[in-house]
Amino acid sequence: MEEAVAGEVVELLRARRIFANVNRRAGVYNVGVRVVIPDGREAIWDNDGAAGLEAMVLRDGVLVGFVPQIPDSDDLDAASIARIIADADYDAPPPPAPPSTRSPQQPPAPRTEVAPAGRTSWRDRLRRR
């Protein structure tokens, strides 16, 4: 996200009475929007420099949630980004995983290998004498 767009998003969020500020990573040109969630968490929106809009949800600097990348969000204007951030449900459970197409397999039988007569295993060769 460009710094000018991030600043405009912050102003739009503040107009909605959402505590937000521009989040800059030290020494890097990646700029995002930091939103404080009332229960003590914070969401950092689009601070990784990749195309698309996504967020990390942190509590005391530890990742506790994630808003996955929103499809076709790389060309949104500041008003659309602010609306998405304001309407985000940070307590929603993650979407269910797609069903697996593989059939369940039996667990492999335990392997009991015996070295042929006259040959030693690698474990025996590396063992100290």
Protein backbone atom coordinates (compact mmCIF):
# COMPACT_ATOMS: atom_id res chain seq x y z
CA MET A 1 0.00 0.00 0.00
CA GLU A 2 1.33 3.43 -0.86
CA GLU A 3 1.82 5.88 1.99
CA ALA A 4 -0.61 8.44 0.55
CA VAL A 5 -3.34 5.79 0.21
CA ALA A 6 -2.64 4.53 3.75
CA GLY A 7 -2.98 8.07 5.10
CA GLU A 8 -6.29 8.56 3.32
CA VAL A 9 -7.57 5.19 4.60
CA VAL A 10 -6.63 6.18 8.16
CA GLU A 11 -8.52 9.48 7.84
CA LEU A 12 -11.62 7.68 6.53
CA LEU A 13 -11.46 5.14 9.38
CA ARG A 14 -11.05 7.88 11.98
CA ALA A 15 -14.13 9.59 10.53
CA ARG A 16 -15.98 6.35 11.39
CA ARG A 17 -14.56 6.53 14.94
CA ILE A 18 -12.19 3.61 14.40
CA PHE A 19 -8.81 4.02 16.05
CA ALA A 20 -6.32 3.64 13.19
CA ASN A 21 -2.91 4.93 12.23
CA VAL A 22 -0.31 4.51 9.50
CA ASN A 23 2.03 1.63 10.28
CA ARG A 24 5.56 1.91 8.91
CA ARG A 25 8.13 -0.84 9.20
CA ALA A 26 11.51 0.54 10.21
CA GLY A 27 14.01 0.63 7.36
CA VAL A 28 11.53 -0.80 4.84
CA TYR A 29 9.27 1.03 2.43
CA ASN A 30 6.24 -1.13 3.31
CA VAL A 31 3.38 0.91 4.71
CA GLY A 32 0.14 -0.41 6.13
CA VAL A 33 -2.77 0.51 8.34
CA ARG A 34 -2.90 -0.44 12.03
CA VAL A 35 -6.36 -0.81 13.55
CA VAL A 36 -6.88 -1.27 17.29
CA ILE A 37 -9.53 -3.87 18.14
CA PRO A 38 -11.33 -3.09 21.44
CA ASP A 39 -10.44 -6.41 23.16
CA GLY A 40 -6.69 -5.66 23.16
CA ARG A 41 -5.81 -7.03 19.73
CA GLU A 42 -4.63 -5.06 16.73
CA ALA A 43 -4.87 -5.70 13.00
CA ILE A 44 -2.06 -4.75 10.66
CA TRP A 45 -3.48 -4.40 7.16
CA ASP A 46 -1.26 -4.82 4.08
CA ASN A 47 2.16 -4.20 5.56
CA ASP A 48 4.03 -6.91 3.64
CA GLY A 49 4.39 -5.13 0.31
CA ALA A 50 2.57 -7.83 -1.66
CA ALA A 51 -0.33 -7.08 -3.99
CA GLY A 52 -3.73 -7.59 -2.43
CA LEU A 53 -5.27 -6.69 0.89
CA GLU A 54 -4.81 -8.95 3.92
CA ALA A 55 -4.27 -8.51 7.64
CA MET A 56 -2.40 -10.01 10.56
CA VAL A 57 -4.21 -9.93 13.90
CA LEU A 58 -1.82 -9.56 16.84
CA ARG A 59 -2.10 -9.58 20.61
CA ASP A 60 0.98 -8.26 22.42
CA GLY A 61 2.98 -8.71 19.21
CA VAL A 62 2.03 -12.38 18.82
CA LEU A 63 0.07 -13.54 15.78
CA VAL A 64 -3.37 -14.73 16.94
CA GLY A 65 -5.32 -14.49 13.69
CA PHE A 66 -5.18 -13.72 10.03
CA VAL A 67 -7.53 -12.17 7.49
CA PRO A 68 -6.70 -13.94 4.20
CA GLN A 69 -6.01 -11.98 1.05
CA ILE A 70 -9.17 -10.52 -0.42
CA PRO A 71 -9.52 -11.48 -4.11
CA ASP A 72 -9.11 -8.67 -6.65
CA SER A 73 -8.14 -6.16 -3.94
CA ASP A 74 -4.90 -4.96 -5.48
CA ASP A 75 -6.57 -2.09 -7.39
CA LEU A 76 -8.99 -0.77 -4.74
CA ASP A 77 -9.24 2.90 -3.88
CA ALA A 78 -8.90 4.28 -0.34
CA ALA A 79 -12.67 4.43 0.28
CA SER A 80 -13.12 0.76 -0.64
CA ILE A 81 -10.17 -0.28 1.52
CA ALA A 82 -11.54 1.71 4.47
CA ARG A 83 -14.97 0.09 4.05
CA ILE A 84 -13.42 -3.41 3.99
CA ILE A 85 -11.35 -2.71 7.10
CA ALA A 86 -14.29 -1.19 8.96
CA ASP A 87 -16.60 -4.11 8.11
CA ALA A 88 -14.08 -6.88 8.87
CA ASP A 89 -15.18 -9.52 11.40
CA TYR A 90 -12.07 -10.27 13.44
CA ASP A 91 -13.87 -12.93 15.49
CA ALA A 92 -15.09 -15.02 12.55
CA PRO A 93 -13.83 -18.60 12.50
CA PRO A 94 -11.51 -19.50 9.64
CA PRO A 95 -13.20 -20.85 6.52
CA PRO A 96 -13.44 -24.64 6.39
CA ALA A 97 -10.74 -26.46 4.51
CA PRO A 98 -11.76 -27.87 1.14
CA PRO A 99 -12.65 -31.56 1.26
CA SER A 100 -9.82 -33.90 0.56
CA THR A 101 -10.05 -35.82 -2.70
CA ARG A 102 -7.76 -38.57 -1.47
CA SER A 103 -9.28 -41.64 0.06
CA PRO A 104 -8.20 -42.49 3.58
CA GLN A 105 -5.34 -44.92 3.56
CA GLN A 106 -4.40 -47.57 6.03
CA PRO A 107 -1.44 -46.59 8.16
CA PRO A 108 1.73 -48.30 7.01
CA ALA A 109 2.66 -51.49 8.80
CA PRO A 110 5.63 -51.16 11.13
CA ARG A 111 8.86 -51.99 9.36
CA THR A 112 10.98 -54.71 10.80
CA GLU A 113 14.05 -54.99 8.67
CA VAL A 114 16.70 -57.53 9.31
CA ALA A 115 20.12 -57.12 7.75
CA PRO A 116 21.08 -60.04 5.50
CA ALA A 117 23.66 -62.43 6.86
CA GLY A 118 27.17 -61.12 6.40
CA ARG A 119 26.04 -57.50 6.02
CA THR A 120 25.73 -54.97 8.78
CA SER A 121 23.28 -52.13 9.03
CA TRP A 122 24.33 -48.47 8.95
CA ARG A 123 23.62 -48.17 12.63
CA ASP A 124 26.03 -50.99 13.35
CA ARG A 125 28.67 -49.56 11.01
CA LEU A 126 28.54 -46.14 12.72
CA ARG A 127 28.46 -47.48 16.25
CA ARG A 128 31.62 -46.87 18.24
CA ARG A 129 33.56 -49.94 19.10
